[in-house]
Amino acid sequence: MGRITLDKVTKKFGDVEVIPPLDLTIEEGEFVVFVGPSGCGKSTLLRLIAGLEDVSGGQIRIDGQDATLTPPAKRGLAMVFQSYALYPHMTVRKNIAFPLRMAGMDKAEQNRRIDNAAKILNLSDYIDRRPGQLSGGQRQRVAIGRAIVREPAAFLFDEPLSNLDAALRVGMRLEITELHKRLKTTMIYVTHDQVEAMTMADKIVVLRKGYIEQVGSPLELYRSPRNVFVAGFIGSPQMNLITGAEAEKHSATTIGIRPEHIVVSPSDGQWKGRVGMSEHLGSDTFFYVHDTGLAESLTVRVSGEIELKANDTVFLTPEADKIHRFDDKGLRVK
């Protein structure tokens, strides 16, 4: 259960086509992340799968059955939104039970599912509290619990961590990933944060202006971006992209080198530059190097502490086997 197929799916708002004809298959049990910049169509695509938006063309199949015109409540999917949307006057138990009560499920089965979800999400000790007595992370777990009890064919997450602070985001990221491993249920997760995509996904779908730019595992996208857009979007800090004479030496219009694939030396190297701002993060240090003649600045990532300060002269050497080449259409050169 949980295989979802999009066949030439399109979406228009008036005369504006926000999702051009799109094909995608999400296999049973996969954790798939839709990622891309604001306005790329990722949330719209999720809402089409959920049935919250009508498709303008094409077909959506869930477990081989045409679900294009099926109402949301009958698609066997459960959605978790950015907003927790909990009832403040209800306890955790009643909030989780709400969709089961609406479905008319008998009390014994309700309690079995609620207790199971609370155990999975470490909410058993909070089951009689109200949302106002919970932290942001606990409230999000209640929202996820309300989805779990429906025992859906797939979970749909629409930027569920956006309202949490940085520390809670990391914790919830791990919890959702562990939840997927335990439940082995198909999950589709929308985010604009490529770090979330890289750390959580089995498969990433990179979107831009409604088009799928690339589909693959996190390491596939990191090691072999299909085009300049994916190269610049996946990876943190983002890949350095260089055009001009240096790229032409490599028979390319653009070359890319990730910050972590540049060797730094105070005395010799392939590219000479001047250290600008630096960011010391403990285990890593990021340098922004100017006056190389290659780009406005190059980002360099090194491990640990390094004795370089602003305006120091520095020499950079890219690791030869880690240089990415792109043609005049922005496509990867094999």
Foldseek 3Di string as FASTA:
>chain_A
DQKKWWAQWWADDVPRTQAGGDTDIDDWLFEEEEAEDPSQCPVVVLCQQLQVDQTPDTFMDTPNHTCNPPHNVPQQEAEQEQDLPFDQVAFLLCRLLVVVVVVVHDPVLSVVLLVVLCVLLVNPVRRGPGPVVDDPLVSSSSSVSSRVSSVGQEYEYENNCPPDDPVSSVVVLVSVLVVSVVSSHHYYHYDHDLVSVLVRGQKYFYGGSNDGQDIHHSVCLQQPPFFPVSQQRHDVVGWDKWADPVLVVVVARIKTARQAQKDKDLPDADFKFFWADKDDPAQKIWTWTADRVTDRTHIHIDGGDDPDDGGRMMYIYGDVVRMWGAHPVRGTDD
